[in-house]
Each structure stands twice: as structure tokens, then as C-alpha cells.
């Protein structure tokens, strides 16, 4: 069960990484860094995309080096999720209760991957 969940999270994080790689070509909005929405053209998005793909591979294969990468990603994602409505503000039509669901899902997925990877590494 743990391996299956890790692989599902690896695929989801991998898709997110591809999205960041392609932001410069108009996929979605810009990259959020510490609550601030940056323009699509930022070079940080493809760099983060590569890091996320590397992390997704580490999750899929349950590599030890993926654990610190996962903690860093989870901290970064949590900061962005919490700071975005404060620094940038919610887009029109998005309410705080709606955004709260997104926050909970984002935090659960990013930290859940770390916990599952640690459990998988410990049980080997």
C-alpha cells in the first residue's frame, strides 16, 4: 500500500514538475515563490520543474536522497500555500473556504510523501 501511494504521489509531483517546466510556454499562471506570483517567464519555474522531476523519480524508486529533497519541497510548498492569499491575494471568484481545501490537500500531499518515503525506507 505504501509503495502504491508513493508512486501515485510521484506521478502527481512529476506532472506538477512538467507543468513548471512548461510555464514559459503559457501553461497555467506564473510560479508562486513565498506567496508572490512571479511572471511566467521566470527562470525559476523550469529549475523548480527539474527539481520536482528529480524528486518524483526519488519517490518512485524510494531513494534515500529523496527524503531531504522532499522535506525542502514540503516546506517550500507549505510556505507558498499559506503565504499566497496574504501576499498576492486570492484570484477573483476564489473564496477562502475554497482555497482552504486546496491548502489542506497541498500540505497533506507534500508532507504525506515525506512520511510515506520515510516509512518505506525504514521498513526495508
N, C-alpha and C. Protein backbone atom coordinates (compact mmCIF):
# COMPACT_ATOMS: atom_id res chain seq x y z
N UNK A 1 0.83 -1.20 0.00
CA UNK A 1 0.00 0.00 0.00
C UNK A 1 0.87 1.26 0.00
N UNK A 2 1.92 1.27 0.83
CA UNK A 2 2.81 2.44 0.90
C UNK A 2 3.47 2.69 -0.44
N UNK A 3 3.93 1.62 -1.09
CA UNK A 3 4.60 1.77 -2.38
C UNK A 3 3.63 2.33 -3.42
N UNK A 4 2.40 1.86 -3.41
CA UNK A 4 1.41 2.36 -4.37
C UNK A 4 1.14 3.84 -4.14
N UNK A 5 0.94 4.24 -2.89
CA UNK A 5 0.70 5.66 -2.59
C UNK A 5 1.91 6.52 -2.97
N UNK A 6 3.11 6.02 -2.70
CA UNK A 6 4.31 6.75 -3.09
C UNK A 6 4.37 6.95 -4.60
N UNK A 7 4.01 5.92 -5.33
CA UNK A 7 4.05 6.02 -6.79
C UNK A 7 2.98 6.98 -7.32
N UNK A 8 1.81 6.96 -6.70
CA UNK A 8 0.76 7.92 -7.10
C UNK A 8 1.25 9.35 -6.84
N UNK A 9 1.82 9.58 -5.67
CA UNK A 9 2.34 10.92 -5.34
C UNK A 9 3.50 11.29 -6.25
N UNK A 10 4.34 10.32 -6.59
CA UNK A 10 5.45 10.58 -7.51
C UNK A 10 4.93 11.04 -8.88
N UNK A 11 3.88 10.39 -9.36
CA UNK A 11 3.30 10.77 -10.65
C UNK A 11 2.70 12.17 -10.56
N UNK A 12 1.96 12.46 -9.49
CA UNK A 12 1.35 13.78 -9.33
C UNK A 12 2.41 14.88 -9.24
N UNK A 13 3.47 14.63 -8.48
CA UNK A 13 4.54 15.61 -8.35
C UNK A 13 5.28 15.74 -9.68
N UNK A 14 5.43 14.62 -10.38
CA UNK A 14 6.05 14.66 -11.71
C UNK A 14 5.25 15.51 -12.69
N UNK A 15 3.92 15.35 -12.69
CA UNK A 15 3.07 16.17 -13.56
C UNK A 15 3.21 17.65 -13.21
N UNK A 16 3.26 17.93 -11.93
CA UNK A 16 3.43 19.32 -11.47
C UNK A 16 4.79 19.86 -11.93
N UNK A 17 5.82 19.01 -11.88
CA UNK A 17 7.14 19.40 -12.36
C UNK A 17 7.14 19.72 -13.85
N UNK A 18 6.46 18.89 -14.64
CA UNK A 18 6.35 19.15 -16.08
C UNK A 18 5.62 20.47 -16.30
N UNK A 19 4.58 20.71 -15.53
CA UNK A 19 3.86 21.99 -15.64
C UNK A 19 4.77 23.18 -15.38
N UNK A 20 5.65 23.06 -14.39
CA UNK A 20 6.59 24.14 -14.11
C UNK A 20 7.62 24.29 -15.23
N UNK A 21 8.04 23.16 -15.80
CA UNK A 21 8.96 23.24 -16.94
C UNK A 21 8.35 23.99 -18.11
N UNK A 22 7.05 23.84 -18.30
CA UNK A 22 6.37 24.41 -19.46
C UNK A 22 5.72 25.77 -19.20
N UNK A 23 5.85 26.30 -18.00
CA UNK A 23 5.21 27.59 -17.68
C UNK A 23 5.62 28.69 -18.66
N UNK A 24 6.86 28.68 -19.08
CA UNK A 24 7.35 29.71 -20.02
C UNK A 24 6.61 29.67 -21.33
N UNK A 25 5.95 28.54 -21.62
CA UNK A 25 5.23 28.38 -22.87
C UNK A 25 3.73 28.59 -22.70
N UNK A 26 3.33 29.13 -21.56
CA UNK A 26 1.95 29.52 -21.36
C UNK A 26 1.07 28.53 -20.62
N UNK A 27 1.65 27.52 -19.98
CA UNK A 27 0.81 26.58 -19.23
C UNK A 27 0.53 27.14 -17.84
N UNK A 28 -0.70 27.44 -17.59
CA UNK A 28 -1.10 27.95 -16.27
C UNK A 28 -0.60 29.36 -16.02
N UNK A 29 -0.60 29.71 -14.75
CA UNK A 29 -0.14 31.04 -14.36
C UNK A 29 1.34 30.99 -14.03
N UNK A 30 1.84 32.06 -13.49
CA UNK A 30 3.25 32.10 -13.13
C UNK A 30 3.55 31.26 -11.90
N UNK A 31 4.77 31.25 -11.50
CA UNK A 31 5.24 30.49 -10.35
C UNK A 31 5.05 31.31 -9.08
N UNK A 32 4.60 30.66 -8.02
CA UNK A 32 4.46 31.33 -6.72
C UNK A 32 5.68 31.00 -5.89
N UNK A 33 6.37 32.04 -5.43
CA UNK A 33 7.54 31.88 -4.58
C UNK A 33 7.34 32.72 -3.33
N UNK A 34 7.23 32.05 -2.20
CA UNK A 34 6.98 32.66 -0.90
C UNK A 34 5.81 33.63 -0.95
N UNK A 35 4.74 33.16 -1.60
CA UNK A 35 3.48 33.90 -1.65
C UNK A 35 3.38 34.90 -2.78
N UNK A 36 4.46 35.18 -3.46
CA UNK A 36 4.45 36.17 -4.54
C UNK A 36 4.34 35.46 -5.88
N UNK A 37 3.38 35.88 -6.69
CA UNK A 37 3.19 35.33 -8.02
C UNK A 37 4.18 35.98 -8.98
N UNK A 38 5.09 35.18 -9.50
CA UNK A 38 6.09 35.67 -10.46
C UNK A 38 5.56 35.49 -11.88
N UNK A 39 6.08 36.26 -12.83
CA UNK A 39 5.62 36.10 -14.21
C UNK A 39 6.03 34.73 -14.78
N UNK A 40 5.30 34.30 -15.80
CA UNK A 40 5.57 33.00 -16.44
C UNK A 40 6.99 32.88 -16.95
N UNK A 41 7.59 33.99 -17.31
CA UNK A 41 8.91 33.98 -17.95
C UNK A 41 10.06 33.71 -16.97
N UNK A 42 9.78 33.64 -15.70
CA UNK A 42 10.85 33.46 -14.73
C UNK A 42 11.61 32.16 -14.97
N UNK A 43 12.91 32.21 -14.78
CA UNK A 43 13.73 31.01 -14.94
C UNK A 43 13.60 30.05 -13.76
N UNK A 44 13.03 30.53 -12.68
CA UNK A 44 12.86 29.67 -11.50
C UNK A 44 11.89 28.52 -11.78
N UNK A 45 10.89 28.75 -12.60
CA UNK A 45 9.89 27.71 -12.86
C UNK A 45 10.51 26.46 -13.50
N UNK A 46 11.29 26.59 -14.58
CA UNK A 46 11.88 25.37 -15.13
C UNK A 46 12.89 24.73 -14.19
N UNK A 47 13.61 25.53 -13.42
CA UNK A 47 14.56 24.96 -12.45
C UNK A 47 13.82 24.17 -11.38
N UNK A 48 12.73 24.73 -10.88
CA UNK A 48 11.91 24.01 -9.91
C UNK A 48 11.31 22.76 -10.55
N UNK A 49 10.91 22.87 -11.80
CA UNK A 49 10.36 21.71 -12.52
C UNK A 49 11.34 20.56 -12.58
N UNK A 50 12.59 20.86 -12.88
CA UNK A 50 13.63 19.82 -12.92
C UNK A 50 13.79 19.20 -11.54
N UNK A 51 13.83 20.04 -10.51
CA UNK A 51 13.94 19.53 -9.14
C UNK A 51 12.77 18.65 -8.75
N UNK A 52 11.57 19.02 -9.18
CA UNK A 52 10.39 18.23 -8.87
C UNK A 52 10.41 16.90 -9.61
N UNK A 53 10.89 16.89 -10.84
CA UNK A 53 11.00 15.63 -11.58
C UNK A 53 12.03 14.71 -10.93
N UNK A 54 13.12 15.29 -10.47
CA UNK A 54 14.13 14.51 -9.76
C UNK A 54 13.54 13.93 -8.46
N UNK A 55 12.82 14.75 -7.74
CA UNK A 55 12.16 14.30 -6.52
C UNK A 55 11.15 13.19 -6.83
N UNK A 56 10.37 13.35 -7.89
CA UNK A 56 9.38 12.33 -8.28
C UNK A 56 10.08 11.00 -8.56
N UNK A 57 11.21 11.05 -9.25
CA UNK A 57 11.98 9.84 -9.51
C UNK A 57 12.47 9.22 -8.20
N UNK A 58 12.94 10.05 -7.29
CA UNK A 58 13.40 9.56 -5.99
C UNK A 58 12.28 8.91 -5.19
N UNK A 59 11.08 9.49 -5.27
CA UNK A 59 9.93 8.88 -4.60
C UNK A 59 9.59 7.53 -5.23
N UNK A 60 9.55 7.50 -6.55
CA UNK A 60 9.19 6.29 -7.28
C UNK A 60 10.13 5.14 -6.93
N UNK A 61 11.41 5.46 -6.82
CA UNK A 61 12.43 4.44 -6.57
C UNK A 61 12.81 4.33 -5.10
N UNK A 62 12.20 5.16 -4.25
CA UNK A 62 12.43 5.17 -2.80
C UNK A 62 13.90 5.37 -2.44
N UNK A 63 14.51 6.34 -3.06
CA UNK A 63 15.93 6.65 -2.81
C UNK A 63 16.09 7.45 -1.52
N UNK A 64 17.19 7.23 -0.85
CA UNK A 64 17.47 7.94 0.41
C UNK A 64 17.61 9.44 0.18
N UNK A 65 18.23 9.84 -0.93
CA UNK A 65 18.46 11.27 -1.19
C UNK A 65 17.15 12.02 -1.44
N UNK A 66 16.06 11.30 -1.71
CA UNK A 66 14.78 11.97 -1.97
C UNK A 66 14.17 12.52 -0.68
N UNK A 67 14.55 11.98 0.46
CA UNK A 67 13.97 12.43 1.73
C UNK A 67 14.29 13.89 2.05
N UNK A 68 15.56 14.32 2.04
CA UNK A 68 15.80 15.75 2.29
C UNK A 68 15.22 16.64 1.19
N UNK A 69 15.20 16.14 -0.03
CA UNK A 69 14.58 16.90 -1.13
C UNK A 69 13.09 17.06 -0.87
N UNK A 70 12.48 16.00 -0.37
CA UNK A 70 11.05 16.04 -0.06
C UNK A 70 10.73 16.99 1.07
N UNK A 71 11.56 17.02 2.09
CA UNK A 71 11.35 17.96 3.20
C UNK A 71 11.46 19.39 2.69
N UNK A 72 12.48 19.66 1.87
CA UNK A 72 12.65 21.00 1.30
C UNK A 72 11.44 21.38 0.45
N UNK A 73 10.98 20.46 -0.38
CA UNK A 73 9.81 20.73 -1.23
C UNK A 73 8.56 20.96 -0.37
N UNK A 74 8.37 20.13 0.66
CA UNK A 74 7.19 20.28 1.51
C UNK A 74 7.21 21.63 2.26
N UNK A 75 8.38 22.03 2.74
CA UNK A 75 8.49 23.34 3.40
C UNK A 75 8.17 24.47 2.42
N UNK A 76 8.73 24.38 1.21
CA UNK A 76 8.50 25.38 0.17
C UNK A 76 7.02 25.44 -0.21
N UNK A 77 6.42 24.26 -0.43
CA UNK A 77 5.01 24.22 -0.81
C UNK A 77 4.11 24.76 0.30
N UNK A 78 4.39 24.38 1.54
CA UNK A 78 3.60 24.86 2.67
C UNK A 78 3.69 26.37 2.80
N UNK A 79 4.90 26.91 2.70
CA UNK A 79 5.07 28.37 2.77
C UNK A 79 4.28 29.06 1.68
N UNK A 80 4.36 28.54 0.47
CA UNK A 80 3.63 29.16 -0.65
C UNK A 80 2.13 29.09 -0.46
N UNK A 81 1.64 27.94 -0.02
CA UNK A 81 0.20 27.79 0.18
C UNK A 81 -0.33 28.75 1.24
N UNK A 82 0.40 28.91 2.31
CA UNK A 82 -0.04 29.77 3.41
C UNK A 82 0.14 31.25 3.06
N UNK A 83 1.26 31.59 2.42
CA UNK A 83 1.56 32.99 2.15
C UNK A 83 0.82 33.58 0.94
N UNK A 84 0.43 32.75 -0.01
CA UNK A 84 -0.18 33.26 -1.23
C UNK A 84 -1.38 34.18 -0.99
N UNK A 85 -2.38 33.78 -0.19
CA UNK A 85 -3.51 34.69 0.00
C UNK A 85 -3.14 35.97 0.74
N UNK A 86 -2.07 35.93 1.54
CA UNK A 86 -1.65 37.09 2.30
C UNK A 86 -0.85 38.05 1.42
N UNK A 87 0.09 37.53 0.66
CA UNK A 87 1.00 38.36 -0.13
C UNK A 87 0.37 38.79 -1.46
N UNK A 88 -0.17 37.83 -2.19
CA UNK A 88 -0.70 38.12 -3.53
C UNK A 88 -2.20 38.35 -3.50
N UNK A 89 -2.90 37.63 -2.67
CA UNK A 89 -4.36 37.72 -2.63
C UNK A 89 -4.98 36.65 -3.51
N UNK A 90 -6.17 36.25 -3.14
CA UNK A 90 -6.86 35.21 -3.91
C UNK A 90 -7.40 35.78 -5.22
N UNK A 91 -7.41 34.97 -6.27
CA UNK A 91 -7.98 35.43 -7.54
C UNK A 91 -9.48 35.68 -7.39
N UNK A 92 -10.04 36.50 -8.25
CA UNK A 92 -11.49 36.75 -8.20
C UNK A 92 -12.27 35.44 -8.34
N UNK A 93 -13.30 35.31 -7.52
CA UNK A 93 -14.15 34.13 -7.57
C UNK A 93 -13.69 32.99 -6.67
N UNK A 94 -12.50 33.10 -6.09
CA UNK A 94 -12.00 32.07 -5.18
C UNK A 94 -12.15 32.60 -3.76
N UNK A 95 -12.90 31.86 -2.96
CA UNK A 95 -13.12 32.26 -1.56
C UNK A 95 -12.11 31.55 -0.66
N UNK A 96 -11.95 32.07 0.53
CA UNK A 96 -11.02 31.45 1.48
C UNK A 96 -11.43 30.02 1.83
N UNK A 97 -12.72 29.71 2.02
CA UNK A 97 -13.08 28.31 2.26
C UNK A 97 -12.69 27.40 1.09
N UNK A 98 -12.87 27.88 -0.14
CA UNK A 98 -12.46 27.09 -1.30
C UNK A 98 -10.95 26.90 -1.31
N UNK A 99 -10.21 27.96 -1.04
CA UNK A 99 -8.75 27.89 -1.04
C UNK A 99 -8.25 27.01 0.10
N UNK A 100 -8.98 26.98 1.20
CA UNK A 100 -8.58 26.15 2.35
C UNK A 100 -8.54 24.67 1.97
N UNK A 101 -9.45 24.24 1.12
CA UNK A 101 -9.43 22.85 0.65
C UNK A 101 -8.13 22.59 -0.12
N UNK A 102 -7.75 23.54 -0.95
CA UNK A 102 -6.50 23.44 -1.72
C UNK A 102 -5.28 23.40 -0.79
N UNK A 103 -5.30 24.24 0.25
CA UNK A 103 -4.20 24.27 1.22
C UNK A 103 -4.07 22.91 1.91
N UNK A 104 -5.18 22.39 2.40
CA UNK A 104 -5.15 21.11 3.11
C UNK A 104 -4.65 20.00 2.18
N UNK A 105 -5.14 19.96 0.96
CA UNK A 105 -4.71 18.92 0.01
C UNK A 105 -3.22 19.06 -0.31
N UNK A 106 -2.77 20.29 -0.54
CA UNK A 106 -1.37 20.52 -0.88
C UNK A 106 -0.43 20.15 0.25
N UNK A 107 -0.78 20.51 1.46
CA UNK A 107 0.06 20.18 2.61
C UNK A 107 0.03 18.67 2.87
N UNK A 108 -1.16 18.07 2.78
CA UNK A 108 -1.27 16.62 3.00
C UNK A 108 -0.45 15.84 1.98
N UNK A 109 -0.48 16.26 0.73
CA UNK A 109 0.25 15.53 -0.30
C UNK A 109 1.76 15.71 -0.16
N UNK A 110 2.21 16.94 0.06
CA UNK A 110 3.65 17.16 0.12
C UNK A 110 4.26 16.53 1.37
N UNK A 111 3.64 16.70 2.53
CA UNK A 111 4.17 16.10 3.75
C UNK A 111 3.86 14.60 3.81
N UNK A 112 2.74 14.18 3.23
CA UNK A 112 2.41 12.76 3.17
C UNK A 112 3.47 11.98 2.41
N UNK A 113 3.98 12.55 1.32
CA UNK A 113 5.03 11.88 0.55
C UNK A 113 6.28 11.70 1.41
N UNK A 114 6.62 12.70 2.20
CA UNK A 114 7.79 12.61 3.07
C UNK A 114 7.60 11.50 4.11
N UNK A 115 6.44 11.47 4.74
CA UNK A 115 6.16 10.47 5.77
C UNK A 115 6.17 9.07 5.16
N UNK A 116 5.52 8.91 4.00
CA UNK A 116 5.49 7.59 3.35
C UNK A 116 6.88 7.15 2.90
N UNK A 117 7.67 8.07 2.39
CA UNK A 117 9.02 7.71 1.97
C UNK A 117 9.85 7.28 3.17
N UNK A 118 9.73 8.01 4.28
CA UNK A 118 10.46 7.63 5.49
C UNK A 118 10.02 6.25 5.97
N UNK A 119 8.73 5.99 5.93
CA UNK A 119 8.22 4.67 6.36
C UNK A 119 8.73 3.57 5.43
N UNK A 120 8.74 3.84 4.14
CA UNK A 120 9.21 2.84 3.16
C UNK A 120 10.70 2.58 3.34
N UNK A 121 11.46 3.63 3.62
CA UNK A 121 12.91 3.47 3.81
C UNK A 121 13.20 2.72 5.10
N UNK A 122 12.41 2.95 6.14
CA UNK A 122 12.62 2.31 7.43
C UNK A 122 12.27 0.82 7.37
N UNK A 123 11.26 0.46 6.59
CA UNK A 123 10.79 -0.92 6.55
C UNK A 123 11.64 -1.81 5.64
N UNK A 124 12.62 -1.26 4.98
CA UNK A 124 13.45 -2.08 4.08
C UNK A 124 14.31 -3.02 4.82
